[in-house]
Amino acid sequence: MFKGVLFDFDGTLVYLRVDWGEVRKQLAALAKRYKVSFSEASYSQSIRDGYKSLLKNPETKKDAQIYMDESYRILKEAETAGVDKGRLVPGAREVLEWLVEADIPVAILSNNDSSCVKKAFAKFGLPAPAVIVGRDMVSYPKPSTEGAELALKSMGLEPGECCLVGDSQPDLEVGKSLGCKVIYIQPDAAETDKNQPGVLVTDNMAHVKSLLQSESNN
């Protein structure tokens, strides 16, 4: 029996319509201006790495916070606009409303800005989560477990009492690292992912409600 659920946000509950190609160009241009490296693998991590690099050099230390603030402004503006154009993932409303009825608290664990998550929940009229942890609230984004640990502490729950629902490898890594049961929404999941202990693989959110119901009865 689980006592709480941690959800990823973009791609799991809501599809944000963001022109990531344009975002990538802006972030890369900003990094070039400040002479720090930029990686597409993880925007948040790349920005923090650039910040640390600037901070270490006495000649650029004063630019570190400016660089990070400007980078996150670019991301936040794009994500906020993406909410306006976004759409709800089929099945998301049903599972969130069922969790409210079952009196099971929900936490959102996102590498997006927390204000973007709040805006999306308001726009789509979704039940408000007990906790929202965005990238603006942590030092390290997923796959770091920092955000999940913060969410669990806020809910007063242990990892083994929760399920984590997400659609990316970082989500999977967080759940496994903490010891949560993981529901991994990935149509193209590798066989190695499907056969991992504590990991349930499904191809869409519409199946998540039945999986959670089944887990809640165990």
C-alpha atoms as a PDB file:
ATOM      1  CA  MET A   1       0.000   0.000   0.000  1.00  0.00           C
ATOM      2  CA  PHE A   2       1.484   3.361  -0.981  1.00  0.00           C
ATOM      3  CA  LYS A   3       0.772   6.649   0.786  1.00  0.00           C
ATOM      4  CA  GLY A   4       1.862   9.195  -1.804  1.00  0.00           C
ATOM      5  CA  VAL A   5       2.658   9.660  -5.495  1.00  0.00           C
ATOM      6  CA  LEU A   6       5.405  11.762  -7.061  1.00  0.00           C
ATOM      7  CA  PHE A   7       4.725  12.834 -10.645  1.00  0.00           C
ATOM      8  CA  ASP A   8       6.992  14.259 -13.279  1.00  0.00           C
ATOM      9  CA  PHE A   9       5.313  17.183 -15.050  1.00  0.00           C
ATOM     10  CA  ASP A  10       6.138  17.904 -18.724  1.00  0.00           C
ATOM     11  CA  GLY A  11       5.412  14.870 -20.875  1.00  0.00           C
ATOM     12  CA  THR A  12       3.817  12.985 -17.988  1.00  0.00           C
ATOM     13  CA  LEU A  13       0.845  15.176 -17.008  1.00  0.00           C
ATOM     14  CA  VAL A  14       1.025  18.061 -19.484  1.00  0.00           C
ATOM     15  CA  TYR A  15       2.529  18.483 -22.933  1.00  0.00           C
ATOM     16  CA  LEU A  16       4.207  21.886 -23.035  1.00  0.00           C
ATOM     17  CA  ARG A  17       4.467  23.335 -26.526  1.00  0.00           C
ATOM     18  CA  VAL A  18       7.905  24.879 -26.383  1.00  0.00           C
ATOM     19  CA  ASP A  19      10.161  25.671 -29.326  1.00  0.00           C
ATOM     20  CA  TRP A  20      13.149  23.948 -27.779  1.00  0.00           C
ATOM     21  CA  GLY A  21      15.235  24.613 -30.865  1.00  0.00           C
ATOM     22  CA  GLU A  22      14.876  28.359 -30.296  1.00  0.00           C
ATOM     23  CA  VAL A  23      15.505  27.946 -26.566  1.00  0.00           C
ATOM     24  CA  ARG A  24      18.653  25.984 -27.332  1.00  0.00           C
ATOM     25  CA  LYS A  25      19.900  28.731 -29.662  1.00  0.00           C
ATOM     26  CA  GLN A  26      19.324  31.427 -27.047  1.00  0.00           C
ATOM     27  CA  LEU A  27      20.987  29.460 -24.249  1.00  0.00           C
ATOM     28  CA  ALA A  28      23.948  28.512 -26.448  1.00  0.00           C
ATOM     29  CA  ALA A  29      24.392  32.145 -27.532  1.00  0.00           C
ATOM     30  CA  LEU A  30      24.279  33.304 -23.913  1.00  0.00           C
ATOM     31  CA  ALA A  31      26.834  30.678 -22.870  1.00  0.00           C
ATOM     32  CA  LYS A  32      29.085  31.759 -25.733  1.00  0.00           C
ATOM     33  CA  ARG A  33      28.840  35.391 -24.622  1.00  0.00           C
ATOM     34  CA  TYR A  34      29.975  34.415 -21.127  1.00  0.00           C
ATOM     35  CA  LYS A  35      32.541  31.958 -22.505  1.00  0.00           C
ATOM     36  CA  VAL A  36      31.189  28.897 -20.739  1.00  0.00           C
ATOM     37  CA  SER A  37      30.298  25.526 -22.212  1.00  0.00           C
ATOM     38  CA  PHE A  38      26.721  24.536 -23.019  1.00  0.00           C
ATOM     39  CA  SER A  39      25.292  21.033 -23.299  1.00  0.00           C
ATOM     40  CA  GLU A  40      21.908  20.053 -24.720  1.00  0.00           C
ATOM     41  CA  ALA A  41      21.801  16.929 -22.540  1.00  0.00           C
ATOM     42  CA  SER A  42      20.482  18.841 -19.514  1.00  0.00           C
ATOM     43  CA  TYR A  43      19.789  22.551 -19.763  1.00  0.00           C
ATOM     44  CA  SER A  44      19.493  23.038 -16.009  1.00  0.00           C
ATOM     45  CA  GLN A  45      22.677  21.146 -15.230  1.00  0.00           C
ATOM     46  CA  SER A  46      24.567  22.907 -18.018  1.00  0.00           C
ATOM     47  CA  ILE A  47      23.497  26.305 -16.691  1.00  0.00           C
ATOM     48  CA  ARG A  48      24.626  25.404 -13.180  1.00  0.00           C
ATOM     49  CA  ASP A  49      27.952  24.104 -14.495  1.00  0.00           C
ATOM     50  CA  GLY A  50      28.467  27.410 -16.318  1.00  0.00           C
ATOM     51  CA  TYR A  51      27.584  29.305 -13.154  1.00  0.00           C
ATOM     52  CA  LYS A  52      30.154  27.360 -11.151  1.00  0.00           C
ATOM     53  CA  SER A  53      32.792  27.917 -13.823  1.00  0.00           C
ATOM     54  CA  LEU A  54      32.250  31.675 -13.738  1.00  0.00           C
ATOM     55  CA  LEU A  55      32.190  31.681  -9.951  1.00  0.00           C
ATOM     56  CA  LYS A  56      35.584  29.994  -9.671  1.00  0.00           C
ATOM     57  CA  ASN A  57      37.349  32.688 -11.689  1.00  0.00           C
ATOM     58  CA  PRO A  58      37.904  35.945  -9.746  1.00  0.00           C
ATOM     59  CA  GLU A  59      37.644  37.899 -13.009  1.00  0.00           C
ATOM     60  CA  THR A  60      34.190  36.492 -13.871  1.00  0.00           C
ATOM     61  CA  LYS A  61      32.785  35.870 -10.397  1.00  0.00           C
ATOM     62  CA  LYS A  62      30.566  38.948 -10.628  1.00  0.00           C
ATOM     63  CA  ASP A  63      28.996  37.582 -13.835  1.00  0.00           C
ATOM     64  CA  ALA A  64      28.024  34.175 -12.439  1.00  0.00           C
ATOM     65  CA  GLN A  65      24.646  35.100 -10.969  1.00  0.00           C
ATOM     66  CA  ILE A  66      23.782  37.328 -13.928  1.00  0.00           C
ATOM     67  CA  TYR A  67      24.462  34.452 -16.325  1.00  0.00           C
ATOM     68  CA  MET A  68      22.350  31.989 -14.343  1.00  0.00           C
ATOM     69  CA  ASP A  69      19.472  34.439 -13.870  1.00  0.00           C
ATOM     70  CA  GLU A  70      19.387  35.293 -17.578  1.00  0.00           C
ATOM     71  CA  SER A  71      19.524  31.611 -18.556  1.00  0.00           C
ATOM     72  CA  TYR A  72      16.618  30.744 -16.284  1.00  0.00           C
ATOM     73  CA  ARG A  73      14.674  33.757 -17.550  1.00  0.00           C
ATOM     74  CA  ILE A  74      14.932  32.330 -21.075  1.00  0.00           C
ATOM     75  CA  LEU A  75      13.719  28.930 -19.899  1.00  0.00           C
ATOM     76  CA  LYS A  76      10.923  30.303 -17.731  1.00  0.00           C
ATOM     77  CA  GLU A  77       9.540  32.555 -20.477  1.00  0.00           C
ATOM     78  CA  ALA A  78       9.546  29.679 -22.967  1.00  0.00           C
ATOM     79  CA  GLU A  79       7.883  27.276 -20.525  1.00  0.00           C
ATOM     80  CA  THR A  80       5.253  29.809 -19.479  1.00  0.00           C
ATOM     81  CA  ALA A  81       4.356  30.410 -23.116  1.00  0.00           C
ATOM     82  CA  GLY A  82       4.363  26.641 -23.586  1.00  0.00           C
ATOM     83  CA  VAL A  83       1.627  26.280 -20.973  1.00  0.00           C
ATOM     84  CA  ASP A  84      -0.637  28.613 -22.947  1.00  0.00           C
ATOM     85  CA  LYS A  85      -0.197  26.453 -26.049  1.00  0.00           C
ATOM     86  CA  GLY A  86       0.028  23.148 -24.187  1.00  0.00           C
ATOM     87  CA  ARG A  87      -2.436  20.334 -23.678  1.00  0.00           C
ATOM     88  CA  LEU A  88      -3.270  17.856 -20.985  1.00  0.00           C
ATOM     89  CA  VAL A  89      -1.955  14.317 -21.326  1.00  0.00           C
ATOM     90  CA  PRO A  90      -4.914  11.930 -21.818  1.00  0.00           C
ATOM     91  CA  GLY A  91      -5.657  10.154 -18.553  1.00  0.00           C
ATOM     92  CA  ALA A  92      -3.892  12.735 -16.356  1.00  0.00           C
ATOM     93  CA  ARG A  93      -7.061  14.329 -14.993  1.00  0.00           C
ATOM     94  CA  GLU A  94      -8.620  10.963 -14.187  1.00  0.00           C
ATOM     95  CA  VAL A  95      -5.650   9.689 -12.189  1.00  0.00           C
ATOM     96  CA  LEU A  96      -5.209  12.955 -10.270  1.00  0.00           C
ATOM     97  CA  GLU A  97      -8.908  13.121  -9.379  1.00  0.00           C
ATOM     98  CA  TRP A  98      -8.885   9.479  -8.287  1.00  0.00           C
ATOM     99  CA  LEU A  99      -5.932  10.169  -5.977  1.00  0.00           C
ATOM    100  CA  VAL A 100      -7.891  13.026  -4.373  1.00  0.00           C
ATOM    101  CA  GLU A 101     -10.848  10.687  -3.801  1.00  0.00           C
ATOM    102  CA  ALA A 102      -8.501   8.073  -2.333  1.00  0.00           C
ATOM    103  CA  ASP A 103      -6.966  10.732  -0.045  1.00  0.00           C
ATOM    104  CA  ILE A 104      -3.476  10.024  -1.403  1.00  0.00           C
ATOM    105  CA  PRO A 105      -1.239  13.139  -1.570  1.00  0.00           C
ATOM    106  CA  VAL A 106       0.491  14.117  -4.795  1.00  0.00           C
ATOM    107  CA  ALA A 107       3.849  15.832  -5.282  1.00  0.00           C
ATOM    108  CA  ILE A 108       5.095  17.258  -8.570  1.00  0.00           C
ATOM    109  CA  LEU A 109       8.799  16.785  -9.191  1.00  0.00           C
ATOM    110  CA  SER A 110       9.812  18.837 -12.222  1.00  0.00           C
ATOM    111  CA  ASN A 111      12.870  20.241 -13.943  1.00  0.00           C
ATOM    112  CA  ASN A 112      10.565  23.066 -15.074  1.00  0.00           C
ATOM    113  CA  ASP A 113      10.064  26.232 -13.055  1.00  0.00           C
ATOM    114  CA  SER A 114       7.523  25.764 -10.253  1.00  0.00           C
ATOM    115  CA  SER A 115       5.496  28.778 -11.448  1.00  0.00           C
ATOM    116  CA  CYS A 116       5.012  27.035 -14.793  1.00  0.00           C
ATOM    117  CA  VAL A 117       3.636  23.957 -13.017  1.00  0.00           C
ATOM    118  CA  LYS A 118       1.238  26.069 -10.941  1.00  0.00           C
ATOM    119  CA  LYS A 119       0.028  27.902 -14.043  1.00  0.00           C
ATOM    120  CA  ALA A 120      -0.678  24.630 -15.848  1.00  0.00           C
ATOM    121  CA  PHE A 121      -2.636  23.169 -12.932  1.00  0.00           C
ATOM    122  CA  ALA A 122      -4.751  26.335 -12.789  1.00  0.00           C
ATOM    123  CA  LYS A 123      -5.277  26.449 -16.548  1.00  0.00           C
ATOM    124  CA  PHE A 124      -6.501  22.868 -16.778  1.00  0.00           C
ATOM    125  CA  GLY A 125      -8.429  22.945 -13.505  1.00  0.00           C
ATOM    126  CA  LEU A 126      -6.477  20.056 -12.017  1.00  0.00           C
ATOM    127  CA  PRO A 127      -6.590  19.182  -8.309  1.00  0.00           C
ATOM    128  CA  ALA A 128      -3.837  21.144  -6.568  1.00  0.00           C
ATOM    129  CA  PRO A 129      -0.903  18.938  -5.525  1.00  0.00           C
ATOM    130  CA  ALA A 130       0.264  18.836  -1.928  1.00  0.00           C
ATOM    131  CA  VAL A 131       3.782  19.767  -3.001  1.00  0.00           C
ATOM    132  CA  ILE A 132       5.418  21.258  -6.092  1.00  0.00           C
ATOM    133  CA  VAL A 133       9.198  21.084  -6.427  1.00  0.00           C
ATOM    134  CA  GLY A 134      10.571  22.851  -9.503  1.00  0.00           C
ATOM    135  CA  ARG A 135      14.122  23.467 -10.658  1.00  0.00           C
ATOM    136  CA  ASP A 136      14.018  26.908  -8.978  1.00  0.00           C
ATOM    137  CA  MET A 137      13.789  25.171  -5.593  1.00  0.00           C
ATOM    138  CA  VAL A 138      16.811  22.852  -5.837  1.00  0.00           C
ATOM    139  CA  SER A 139      20.534  23.089  -6.403  1.00  0.00           C
ATOM    140  CA  TYR A 140      20.633  20.069  -8.708  1.00  0.00           C
ATOM    141  CA  PRO A 141      17.934  18.917 -11.174  1.00  0.00           C
ATOM    142  CA  LYS A 142      16.888  15.345 -11.853  1.00  0.00           C
ATOM    143  CA  PRO A 143      18.445  12.770 -11.964  1.00  0.00           C
ATOM    144  CA  SER A 144      19.625  14.163  -8.623  1.00  0.00           C
ATOM    145  CA  THR A 145      17.346  12.960  -5.821  1.00  0.00           C
ATOM    146  CA  GLU A 146      17.414  16.362  -4.098  1.00  0.00           C
ATOM    147  CA  GLY A 147      13.970  17.448  -5.318  1.00  0.00           C
ATOM    148  CA  ALA A 148      12.359  14.107  -4.519  1.00  0.00           C
ATOM    149  CA  GLU A 149      13.845  14.123  -1.034  1.00  0.00           C
ATOM    150  CA  LEU A 150      12.466  17.622  -0.483  1.00  0.00           C
ATOM    151  CA  ALA A 151       9.016  16.513  -1.665  1.00  0.00           C
ATOM    152  CA  LEU A 152       9.033  13.429   0.558  1.00  0.00           C
ATOM    153  CA  LYS A 153      10.094  15.469   3.575  1.00  0.00           C
ATOM    154  CA  SER A 154       7.267  17.946   2.925  1.00  0.00           C
ATOM    155  CA  MET A 155       4.749  15.090   2.789  1.00  0.00           C
ATOM    156  CA  GLY A 156       6.253  13.310   5.800  1.00  0.00           C
ATOM    157  CA  LEU A 157       6.702  10.091   3.833  1.00  0.00           C
ATOM    158  CA  GLU A 158       9.469   7.571   3.242  1.00  0.00           C
ATOM    159  CA  PRO A 159      10.532   6.547  -0.303  1.00  0.00           C
ATOM    160  CA  GLY A 160       9.182   3.027   0.168  1.00  0.00           C
ATOM    161  CA  GLU A 161       5.733   4.454   0.882  1.00  0.00           C
ATOM    162  CA  CYS A 162       5.508   6.186  -2.500  1.00  0.00           C
ATOM    163  CA  CYS A 163       5.245   5.599  -6.227  1.00  0.00           C
ATOM    164  CA  LEU A 164       7.083   7.808  -8.699  1.00  0.00           C
ATOM    165  CA  VAL A 165       5.464   8.299 -12.112  1.00  0.00           C
ATOM    166  CA  GLY A 166       7.525   9.676 -14.977  1.00  0.00           C
ATOM    167  CA  ASP A 167       8.403   9.368 -18.646  1.00  0.00           C
ATOM    168  CA  SER A 168      12.171   9.864 -18.753  1.00  0.00           C
ATOM    169  CA  GLN A 169      15.374   8.111 -17.745  1.00  0.00           C
ATOM    170  CA  PRO A 170      16.091  10.765 -15.074  1.00  0.00           C
ATOM    171  CA  ASP A 171      12.714   9.968 -13.490  1.00  0.00           C
ATOM    172  CA  LEU A 172      13.553   6.285 -13.540  1.00  0.00           C
ATOM    173  CA  GLU A 173      16.958   6.936 -11.998  1.00  0.00           C
ATOM    174  CA  VAL A 174      15.496   9.065  -9.194  1.00  0.00           C
ATOM    175  CA  GLY A 175      12.958   6.402  -8.266  1.00  0.00           C
ATOM    176  CA  LYS A 176      15.509   3.610  -8.292  1.00  0.00           C
ATOM    177  CA  SER A 177      18.048   5.630  -6.304  1.00  0.00           C
ATOM    178  CA  LEU A 178      15.514   6.439  -3.606  1.00  0.00           C
ATOM    179  CA  GLY A 179      13.837   3.036  -3.488  1.00  0.00           C
ATOM    180  CA  CYS A 180      10.389   4.150  -4.681  1.00  0.00           C
ATOM    181  CA  LYS A 181       8.140   1.973  -6.777  1.00  0.00           C
ATOM    182  CA  VAL A 182       8.386   3.433 -10.292  1.00  0.00           C
ATOM    183  CA  ILE A 183       5.734   3.625 -12.984  1.00  0.00           C
ATOM    184  CA  TYR A 184       7.664   4.375 -16.153  1.00  0.00           C
ATOM    185  CA  ILE A 185       5.597   5.711 -19.067  1.00  0.00           C
ATOM    186  CA  GLN A 186       7.678   4.842 -22.086  1.00  0.00           C
ATOM    187  CA  PRO A 187       6.336   3.145 -25.254  1.00  0.00           C
ATOM    188  CA  ASP A 188       9.881   2.382 -26.408  1.00  0.00           C
ATOM    189  CA  ALA A 189      11.245   1.163 -23.075  1.00  0.00           C
ATOM    190  CA  ALA A 190      14.155  -1.232 -23.337  1.00  0.00           C
ATOM    191  CA  GLU A 191      13.768  -4.786 -22.108  1.00  0.00           C
ATOM    192  CA  THR A 192      16.291  -4.022 -19.378  1.00  0.00           C
ATOM    193  CA  ASP A 193      13.944  -1.313 -18.063  1.00  0.00           C
ATOM    194  CA  LYS A 194      10.914  -3.587 -18.205  1.00  0.00           C
ATOM    195  CA  ASN A 195      12.632  -6.292 -16.189  1.00  0.00           C
ATOM    196  CA  GLN A 196      13.947  -4.138 -13.346  1.00  0.00           C
ATOM    197  CA  PRO A 197      12.623  -4.892  -9.840  1.00  0.00           C
ATOM    198  CA  GLY A 198      10.233  -2.237  -8.583  1.00  0.00           C
ATOM    199  CA  VAL A 199       9.626  -0.801 -12.049  1.00  0.00           C
ATOM    200  CA  LEU A 200       6.297  -1.047 -13.859  1.00  0.00           C
ATOM    201  CA  VAL A 201       6.402  -0.027 -17.512  1.00  0.00           C
ATOM    202  CA  THR A 202       3.386   1.231 -19.450  1.00  0.00           C
ATOM    203  CA  ASP A 203       3.021   2.928 -22.813  1.00  0.00           C
ATOM    204  CA  ASN A 204       0.654   5.732 -21.757  1.00  0.00           C
ATOM    205  CA  MET A 205      -0.828   7.680 -18.852  1.00  0.00           C
ATOM    206  CA  ALA A 206      -4.267   6.144 -19.392  1.00  0.00           C
ATOM    207  CA  HIS A 207      -2.959   2.912 -17.845  1.00  0.00           C
ATOM    208  CA  VAL A 208      -1.449   4.574 -14.779  1.00  0.00           C
ATOM    209  CA  LYS A 209      -4.686   4.774 -12.788  1.00  0.00           C
ATOM    210  CA  SER A 210      -5.244   1.019 -12.956  1.00  0.00           C
ATOM    211  CA  LEU A 211      -1.591   0.378 -12.026  1.00  0.00           C
ATOM    212  CA  LEU A 212      -1.840   2.674  -9.014  1.00  0.00           C
ATOM    213  CA  GLN A 213      -5.100   1.073  -7.970  1.00  0.00           C
ATOM    214  CA  SER A 214      -3.496  -2.328  -8.167  1.00  0.00           C
ATOM    215  CA  GLU A 215      -0.487  -1.155  -6.125  1.00  0.00           C
ATOM    216  CA  SER A 216      -2.742   0.452  -3.517  1.00  0.00           C
ATOM    217  CA  ASN A 217      -4.415  -2.909  -2.906  1.00  0.00           C
ATOM    218  CA  ASN A 218      -1.147  -4.796  -2.389  1.00  0.00           C
END
